[in-house]
């Protein structure tokens, strides 16, 4: 999965550095869960004590712009997750509010919304559903 991200970096004329590879390797662990960007920052500082916060955040923003990672803000905290599907960048999520697990949704509801907005042109969207995943729900039931 990291190879796809490295290819995207190269295609967009971004250098493939050891720091970026290590950042991608760390983020690759979070394909099904968001992590606070501050935790990513902390991890990268353990590997590279002289690496600035700005460099780490800039790389994450660049990765987001290129579709390598996804960002969300939860309770005013910026969170990041590695792109789970490079072949289908346009997708949506169900996010468990208990454990934070993220599941990809295969269908997009935009056609339904477009029908409700005649004459309008939708330029973009982000669709997330929040609830309790099956595993957590099973624990709550018992």
N, C-alpha and C. Protein backbone atom coordinates (compact mmCIF):
# COMPACT_ATOMS: atom_id res chain seq x y z
N UNK A 1 0.83 -1.20 0.00
CA UNK A 1 0.00 0.00 0.00
C UNK A 1 0.87 1.26 0.00
N UNK A 2 2.03 1.19 0.62
CA UNK A 2 2.91 2.35 0.65
C UNK A 2 3.46 2.64 -0.74
N UNK A 3 3.67 1.59 -1.53
CA UNK A 3 4.19 1.77 -2.88
C UNK A 3 3.27 2.67 -3.71
N UNK A 4 1.97 2.51 -3.56
CA UNK A 4 1.01 3.36 -4.28
C UNK A 4 1.16 4.82 -3.86
N UNK A 5 1.35 5.04 -2.57
CA UNK A 5 1.51 6.40 -2.07
C UNK A 5 2.81 7.01 -2.58
N UNK A 6 3.88 6.23 -2.59
CA UNK A 6 5.16 6.73 -3.09
C UNK A 6 5.07 7.08 -4.58
N UNK A 7 4.33 6.28 -5.31
CA UNK A 7 4.12 6.57 -6.73
C UNK A 7 3.37 7.89 -6.91
N UNK A 8 2.39 8.13 -6.06
CA UNK A 8 1.63 9.39 -6.12
C UNK A 8 2.55 10.57 -5.83
N UNK A 9 3.43 10.42 -4.84
CA UNK A 9 4.38 11.49 -4.53
C UNK A 9 5.26 11.80 -5.74
N UNK A 10 5.78 10.75 -6.35
CA UNK A 10 6.65 10.94 -7.52
C UNK A 10 5.90 11.60 -8.68
N UNK A 11 4.67 11.16 -8.92
CA UNK A 11 3.87 11.72 -10.01
C UNK A 11 3.58 13.21 -9.80
N UNK A 12 3.62 13.63 -8.54
CA UNK A 12 3.34 15.03 -8.22
C UNK A 12 4.61 15.80 -7.87
N UNK A 13 5.75 15.28 -8.29
CA UNK A 13 7.05 15.92 -8.14
C UNK A 13 7.42 16.23 -6.70
N UNK A 14 7.03 15.36 -5.78
CA UNK A 14 7.45 15.49 -4.39
C UNK A 14 8.55 14.46 -4.14
N UNK A 15 9.62 14.88 -3.49
CA UNK A 15 10.73 13.99 -3.22
C UNK A 15 10.30 12.87 -2.29
N UNK A 16 10.79 11.69 -2.56
CA UNK A 16 10.56 10.55 -1.67
C UNK A 16 11.74 10.47 -0.73
N UNK A 17 11.55 11.02 0.46
CA UNK A 17 12.61 11.06 1.47
C UNK A 17 12.39 9.95 2.50
N UNK A 18 13.43 9.68 3.26
CA UNK A 18 13.30 8.69 4.33
C UNK A 18 12.23 9.11 5.33
N UNK A 19 12.17 10.41 5.64
CA UNK A 19 11.17 10.90 6.57
C UNK A 19 9.75 10.67 6.04
N UNK A 20 9.54 10.95 4.77
CA UNK A 20 8.21 10.73 4.19
C UNK A 20 7.87 9.24 4.16
N UNK A 21 8.84 8.40 3.85
CA UNK A 21 8.59 6.96 3.86
C UNK A 21 8.20 6.50 5.27
N UNK A 22 8.93 7.00 6.28
CA UNK A 22 8.62 6.62 7.66
C UNK A 22 7.26 7.15 8.10
N UNK A 23 6.92 8.35 7.66
CA UNK A 23 5.60 8.91 7.96
C UNK A 23 4.51 8.06 7.32
N UNK A 24 4.69 7.69 6.07
CA UNK A 24 3.71 6.85 5.38
C UNK A 24 3.60 5.48 6.03
N UNK A 25 4.73 4.90 6.42
CA UNK A 25 4.72 3.59 7.08
C UNK A 25 3.92 3.64 8.37
N UNK A 26 4.10 4.71 9.12
CA UNK A 26 3.35 4.86 10.37
C UNK A 26 1.85 5.04 10.10
N UNK A 27 1.53 5.93 9.16
CA UNK A 27 0.13 6.19 8.84
C UNK A 27 -0.55 4.96 8.25
N UNK A 28 0.21 4.12 7.55
CA UNK A 28 -0.34 2.91 6.94
C UNK A 28 -0.99 1.99 7.97
N UNK A 29 -0.59 2.10 9.22
CA UNK A 29 -1.19 1.30 10.30
C UNK A 29 -2.62 1.74 10.60
N UNK A 30 -2.99 2.91 10.11
CA UNK A 30 -4.29 3.50 10.44
C UNK A 30 -5.16 3.63 9.19
N UNK A 31 -5.45 2.48 8.57
CA UNK A 31 -6.34 2.47 7.41
C UNK A 31 -7.79 2.37 7.83
N UNK A 32 -8.02 1.85 9.03
CA UNK A 32 -9.40 1.66 9.46
C UNK A 32 -9.72 2.42 10.74
N UNK A 33 -8.90 3.43 11.03
CA UNK A 33 -9.14 4.22 12.24
C UNK A 33 -8.41 5.56 12.13
N UNK A 34 -9.06 6.63 12.56
CA UNK A 34 -8.41 7.94 12.60
C UNK A 34 -7.52 8.03 13.83
N UNK A 35 -6.43 8.75 13.69
CA UNK A 35 -5.51 9.00 14.80
C UNK A 35 -5.29 10.51 14.90
N UNK A 36 -5.14 11.01 16.10
CA UNK A 36 -4.86 12.43 16.27
C UNK A 36 -3.53 12.78 15.61
N UNK A 37 -3.51 13.89 14.89
CA UNK A 37 -2.28 14.33 14.23
C UNK A 37 -1.19 14.57 15.27
N UNK A 38 -1.56 14.98 16.46
CA UNK A 38 -0.54 15.19 17.51
C UNK A 38 0.18 13.89 17.85
N UNK A 39 -0.50 12.74 17.77
CA UNK A 39 0.15 11.45 18.01
C UNK A 39 1.13 11.12 16.89
N UNK A 40 0.78 11.48 15.66
CA UNK A 40 1.68 11.29 14.53
C UNK A 40 2.92 12.17 14.73
N UNK A 41 2.68 13.41 15.13
CA UNK A 41 3.75 14.36 15.39
C UNK A 41 4.71 13.80 16.46
N UNK A 42 4.14 13.27 17.52
CA UNK A 42 4.94 12.70 18.61
C UNK A 42 5.78 11.52 18.11
N UNK A 43 5.17 10.65 17.32
CA UNK A 43 5.90 9.49 16.78
C UNK A 43 7.06 9.94 15.90
N UNK A 44 6.80 10.90 15.01
CA UNK A 44 7.85 11.36 14.10
C UNK A 44 8.98 12.05 14.86
N UNK A 45 8.65 12.72 15.96
CA UNK A 45 9.70 13.37 16.77
C UNK A 45 10.59 12.35 17.48
N UNK A 46 10.04 11.18 17.78
CA UNK A 46 10.88 10.12 18.36
C UNK A 46 11.89 9.64 17.32
N UNK A 47 11.47 9.55 16.07
CA UNK A 47 12.37 9.10 15.00
C UNK A 47 13.34 10.20 14.55
N UNK A 48 12.80 11.43 14.49
CA UNK A 48 13.57 12.57 13.98
C UNK A 48 13.40 13.75 14.93
N UNK A 49 14.17 13.80 16.01
CA UNK A 49 14.00 14.85 17.01
C UNK A 49 14.11 16.27 16.47
N UNK A 50 14.83 16.47 15.39
CA UNK A 50 15.00 17.82 14.84
C UNK A 50 13.93 18.19 13.81
N UNK A 51 13.07 17.26 13.49
CA UNK A 51 12.02 17.53 12.50
C UNK A 51 10.99 18.48 13.11
N UNK A 52 10.68 19.54 12.39
CA UNK A 52 9.76 20.55 12.94
C UNK A 52 8.31 20.09 12.86
N UNK A 53 7.50 20.63 13.76
CA UNK A 53 6.06 20.37 13.74
C UNK A 53 5.49 20.80 12.39
N UNK A 54 5.94 21.95 11.91
CA UNK A 54 5.42 22.47 10.64
C UNK A 54 5.68 21.51 9.49
N UNK A 55 6.84 20.88 9.47
CA UNK A 55 7.17 19.93 8.41
C UNK A 55 6.22 18.73 8.45
N UNK A 56 5.98 18.23 9.64
CA UNK A 56 5.09 17.08 9.79
C UNK A 56 3.68 17.45 9.35
N UNK A 57 3.16 18.56 9.84
CA UNK A 57 1.81 18.98 9.48
C UNK A 57 1.70 19.31 7.99
N UNK A 58 2.74 19.92 7.43
CA UNK A 58 2.73 20.25 6.00
C UNK A 58 2.68 18.97 5.16
N UNK A 59 3.45 17.97 5.55
CA UNK A 59 3.43 16.71 4.82
C UNK A 59 2.06 16.04 4.90
N UNK A 60 1.45 16.08 6.07
CA UNK A 60 0.11 15.50 6.22
C UNK A 60 -0.89 16.25 5.34
N UNK A 61 -0.80 17.58 5.31
CA UNK A 61 -1.69 18.37 4.43
C UNK A 61 -1.44 18.04 2.97
N UNK A 62 -0.16 17.91 2.59
CA UNK A 62 0.17 17.53 1.20
C UNK A 62 -0.38 16.15 0.88
N UNK A 63 -0.22 15.20 1.79
CA UNK A 63 -0.74 13.85 1.58
C UNK A 63 -2.26 13.88 1.43
N UNK A 64 -2.91 14.72 2.21
CA UNK A 64 -4.36 14.85 2.11
C UNK A 64 -4.76 15.41 0.74
N UNK A 65 -4.07 16.44 0.31
CA UNK A 65 -4.35 17.06 -0.98
C UNK A 65 -4.19 16.05 -2.12
N UNK A 66 -3.24 15.12 -1.98
CA UNK A 66 -2.98 14.12 -3.01
C UNK A 66 -3.85 12.87 -2.87
N UNK A 67 -4.67 12.82 -1.81
CA UNK A 67 -5.56 11.67 -1.62
C UNK A 67 -4.89 10.48 -0.96
N UNK A 68 -3.74 10.69 -0.35
CA UNK A 68 -3.02 9.61 0.33
C UNK A 68 -3.59 9.37 1.72
N UNK A 69 -4.02 10.43 2.37
CA UNK A 69 -4.64 10.33 3.69
C UNK A 69 -5.95 11.09 3.67
N UNK A 70 -6.74 10.86 4.69
CA UNK A 70 -8.00 11.57 4.88
C UNK A 70 -7.94 12.28 6.23
N UNK A 71 -8.47 13.49 6.28
CA UNK A 71 -8.49 14.27 7.51
C UNK A 71 -9.91 14.47 7.98
N UNK A 72 -10.06 14.59 9.28
CA UNK A 72 -11.33 14.99 9.89
C UNK A 72 -11.00 15.75 11.16
N UNK A 73 -11.93 16.55 11.60
CA UNK A 73 -11.79 17.24 12.87
C UNK A 73 -12.86 16.70 13.81
N UNK A 74 -12.42 16.22 14.96
CA UNK A 74 -13.34 15.67 15.96
C UNK A 74 -13.06 16.38 17.27
N UNK A 75 -14.07 17.07 17.78
CA UNK A 75 -13.94 17.84 19.02
C UNK A 75 -12.76 18.81 18.93
N UNK A 76 -12.67 19.51 17.81
CA UNK A 76 -11.63 20.49 17.54
C UNK A 76 -10.22 19.90 17.50
N UNK A 77 -10.10 18.61 17.28
CA UNK A 77 -8.80 17.95 17.18
C UNK A 77 -8.67 17.38 15.77
N UNK A 78 -7.59 17.75 15.09
CA UNK A 78 -7.35 17.25 13.75
C UNK A 78 -6.90 15.80 13.80
N UNK A 79 -7.58 14.96 13.00
CA UNK A 79 -7.26 13.55 12.95
C UNK A 79 -6.97 13.14 11.51
N UNK A 80 -6.17 12.10 11.37
CA UNK A 80 -5.74 11.62 10.06
C UNK A 80 -5.91 10.11 9.99
N UNK A 81 -6.15 9.63 8.79
CA UNK A 81 -6.23 8.20 8.53
C UNK A 81 -5.67 7.95 7.15
N UNK A 82 -4.96 6.86 6.99
CA UNK A 82 -4.39 6.50 5.71
C UNK A 82 -5.51 6.11 4.74
N UNK A 83 -5.36 6.49 3.50
CA UNK A 83 -6.36 6.17 2.49
C UNK A 83 -6.53 4.65 2.41
N UNK A 84 -7.75 4.19 2.54
CA UNK A 84 -7.98 2.75 2.57
C UNK A 84 -8.14 2.14 1.18
N UNK A 85 -8.35 2.96 0.16
CA UNK A 85 -8.61 2.42 -1.17
C UNK A 85 -8.13 3.39 -2.24
N UNK A 86 -6.92 3.19 -2.73
CA UNK A 86 -6.37 4.09 -3.74
C UNK A 86 -7.06 3.94 -5.09
N UNK A 87 -7.72 2.81 -5.33
CA UNK A 87 -8.41 2.60 -6.61
C UNK A 87 -9.74 3.33 -6.64
N UNK A 88 -10.34 3.53 -5.48
CA UNK A 88 -11.64 4.21 -5.37
C UNK A 88 -11.52 5.33 -4.34
N UNK A 89 -10.86 6.41 -4.74
CA UNK A 89 -10.62 7.51 -3.81
C UNK A 89 -11.95 8.10 -3.33
N UNK A 90 -12.94 8.15 -4.21
CA UNK A 90 -14.25 8.66 -3.83
C UNK A 90 -15.01 7.55 -3.09
N UNK A 91 -15.09 7.69 -1.80
CA UNK A 91 -15.86 6.75 -0.99
C UNK A 91 -16.25 7.44 0.31
N UNK A 92 -17.07 6.75 1.08
CA UNK A 92 -17.60 7.32 2.32
C UNK A 92 -17.42 6.32 3.45
N UNK A 93 -17.66 6.77 4.68
CA UNK A 93 -17.35 5.95 5.84
C UNK A 93 -18.49 5.86 6.85
N UNK A 94 -18.48 4.75 7.56
CA UNK A 94 -19.21 4.58 8.81
C UNK A 94 -18.12 4.61 9.89
N UNK A 95 -18.28 5.47 10.89
CA UNK A 95 -17.29 5.61 11.95
C UNK A 95 -17.94 5.26 13.29
N UNK A 96 -17.34 4.29 13.98
CA UNK A 96 -17.85 3.89 15.29
C UNK A 96 -17.50 4.97 16.32
N UNK A 97 -18.51 5.46 17.01
CA UNK A 97 -18.28 6.51 18.00
C UNK A 97 -17.73 5.95 19.31
N UNK A 98 -17.69 4.63 19.42
CA UNK A 98 -17.15 4.01 20.62
C UNK A 98 -15.67 3.68 20.46
N UNK A 99 -15.32 2.88 19.45
CA UNK A 99 -13.93 2.43 19.29
C UNK A 99 -13.18 3.19 18.21
N UNK A 100 -13.89 3.94 17.37
CA UNK A 100 -13.24 4.73 16.32
C UNK A 100 -12.99 3.98 15.03
N UNK A 101 -13.38 2.71 14.97
CA UNK A 101 -13.17 1.92 13.75
C UNK A 101 -13.91 2.56 12.58
N UNK A 102 -13.26 2.53 11.42
CA UNK A 102 -13.82 3.11 10.21
C UNK A 102 -14.10 2.00 9.21
N UNK A 103 -15.31 1.99 8.66
CA UNK A 103 -15.66 1.04 7.62
C UNK A 103 -16.04 1.81 6.36
N UNK A 104 -15.52 1.35 5.24
CA UNK A 104 -15.81 2.00 3.96
C UNK A 104 -17.22 1.63 3.50
N UNK A 105 -17.94 2.62 3.00
CA UNK A 105 -19.26 2.40 2.42
C UNK A 105 -19.11 2.31 0.90
N UNK A 106 -19.81 1.38 0.28
CA UNK A 106 -19.62 1.16 -1.15
C UNK A 106 -20.52 2.03 -2.02
N UNK A 107 -21.54 2.62 -1.46
CA UNK A 107 -22.46 3.42 -2.27
C UNK A 107 -22.40 4.89 -1.88
N UNK A 108 -22.63 5.75 -2.86
CA UNK A 108 -22.66 7.19 -2.65
C UNK A 108 -24.10 7.69 -2.76
N UNK A 109 -24.57 8.46 -1.79
CA UNK A 109 -25.96 8.93 -1.80
C UNK A 109 -26.19 10.22 -2.59
N UNK A 110 -25.20 10.70 -3.33
CA UNK A 110 -25.30 12.02 -3.94
C UNK A 110 -26.39 12.15 -4.99
N UNK A 111 -26.67 11.09 -5.73
CA UNK A 111 -27.73 11.19 -6.74
C UNK A 111 -29.05 11.59 -6.09
N UNK A 112 -29.32 11.04 -4.94
CA UNK A 112 -30.54 11.36 -4.20
C UNK A 112 -30.57 12.84 -3.81
N UNK A 113 -29.46 13.37 -3.37
CA UNK A 113 -29.40 14.78 -2.98
C UNK A 113 -29.47 15.69 -4.21
N UNK A 114 -28.82 15.29 -5.29
CA UNK A 114 -28.85 16.10 -6.51
C UNK A 114 -30.28 16.27 -7.01
N UNK A 115 -31.07 15.20 -6.90
CA UNK A 115 -32.49 15.28 -7.32
C UNK A 115 -33.26 16.29 -6.48
N UNK A 116 -32.86 16.48 -5.22
CA UNK A 116 -33.54 17.42 -4.33
C UNK A 116 -33.08 18.86 -4.56
N UNK A 117 -32.06 19.05 -5.40
CA UNK A 117 -31.49 20.38 -5.64
C UNK A 117 -31.49 20.70 -7.13
N UNK A 118 -32.68 20.74 -7.75
CA UNK A 118 -32.73 21.00 -9.19
C UNK A 118 -32.12 22.37 -9.53
N UNK A 119 -31.34 22.38 -10.59
CA UNK A 119 -30.71 23.62 -11.03
C UNK A 119 -29.41 23.95 -10.32
N UNK A 120 -29.06 23.20 -9.28
CA UNK A 120 -27.83 23.44 -8.54
C UNK A 120 -26.73 22.50 -9.04
N UNK A 121 -25.50 22.95 -8.92
CA UNK A 121 -24.36 22.11 -9.26
C UNK A 121 -23.56 21.86 -7.99
N UNK A 122 -23.50 20.61 -7.58
CA UNK A 122 -22.74 20.23 -6.39
C UNK A 122 -21.28 20.07 -6.81
N UNK A 123 -20.38 20.76 -6.11
CA UNK A 123 -18.96 20.72 -6.45
C UNK A 123 -18.17 19.69 -5.66
N UNK A 124 -18.70 19.24 -4.56
CA UNK A 124 -18.00 18.26 -3.74
C UNK A 124 -18.83 17.89 -2.53
N UNK A 125 -18.41 16.86 -1.87
CA UNK A 125 -19.11 16.43 -0.67
C UNK A 125 -18.24 15.47 0.12
N UNK A 126 -18.62 15.30 1.36
CA UNK A 126 -18.01 14.33 2.25
C UNK A 126 -19.15 13.74 3.06
N UNK A 127 -19.26 12.44 3.07
CA UNK A 127 -20.38 11.78 3.72
C UNK A 127 -19.86 10.77 4.73
N UNK A 128 -20.24 10.94 5.98
CA UNK A 128 -19.85 10.03 7.04
C UNK A 128 -21.08 9.70 7.88
N UNK A 129 -21.18 8.46 8.28
CA UNK A 129 -22.24 8.02 9.17
C UNK A 129 -21.57 7.62 10.49
N UNK A 130 -22.15 8.05 11.59
CA UNK A 130 -21.60 7.74 12.91
C UNK A 130 -22.57 6.84 13.66
N UNK A 131 -22.03 5.92 14.42
CA UNK A 131 -22.85 5.01 15.22
C UNK A 131 -21.96 4.03 15.96
N UNK A 132 -22.53 2.92 16.36
CA UNK A 132 -21.82 1.88 17.09
C UNK A 132 -21.61 0.70 16.14
N UNK A 133 -20.33 0.28 15.98
CA UNK A 133 -20.04 -0.84 15.08
C UNK A 133 -20.61 -2.14 15.66
N UNK A 134 -20.65 -3.16 14.83
CA UNK A 134 -21.24 -4.45 15.23
C UNK A 134 -20.53 -5.05 16.44
N UNK A 135 -19.20 -4.93 16.47
CA UNK A 135 -18.45 -5.51 17.59
C UNK A 135 -18.76 -4.80 18.90
N UNK A 136 -18.78 -3.48 18.88
CA UNK A 136 -19.10 -2.72 20.09
C UNK A 136 -20.55 -2.92 20.49
N UNK A 137 -21.44 -2.97 19.51
CA UNK A 137 -22.87 -3.15 19.78
C UNK A 137 -23.10 -4.49 20.47
N UNK A 138 -22.38 -5.51 20.02
CA UNK A 138 -22.50 -6.84 20.62
C UNK A 138 -22.07 -6.79 22.08
N UNK A 139 -21.01 -6.04 22.40
CA UNK A 139 -20.54 -5.91 23.79
C UNK A 139 -21.58 -5.19 24.65
N UNK A 140 -22.23 -4.15 24.08
CA UNK A 140 -23.24 -3.38 24.82
C UNK A 140 -24.48 -4.21 25.11
N UNK A 141 -24.82 -5.10 24.19
CA UNK A 141 -26.04 -5.92 24.34
C UNK A 141 -25.89 -6.91 25.48
N UNK A 142 -24.68 -7.37 25.71
CA UNK A 142 -24.46 -8.42 26.73
C UNK A 142 -24.25 -7.86 28.09
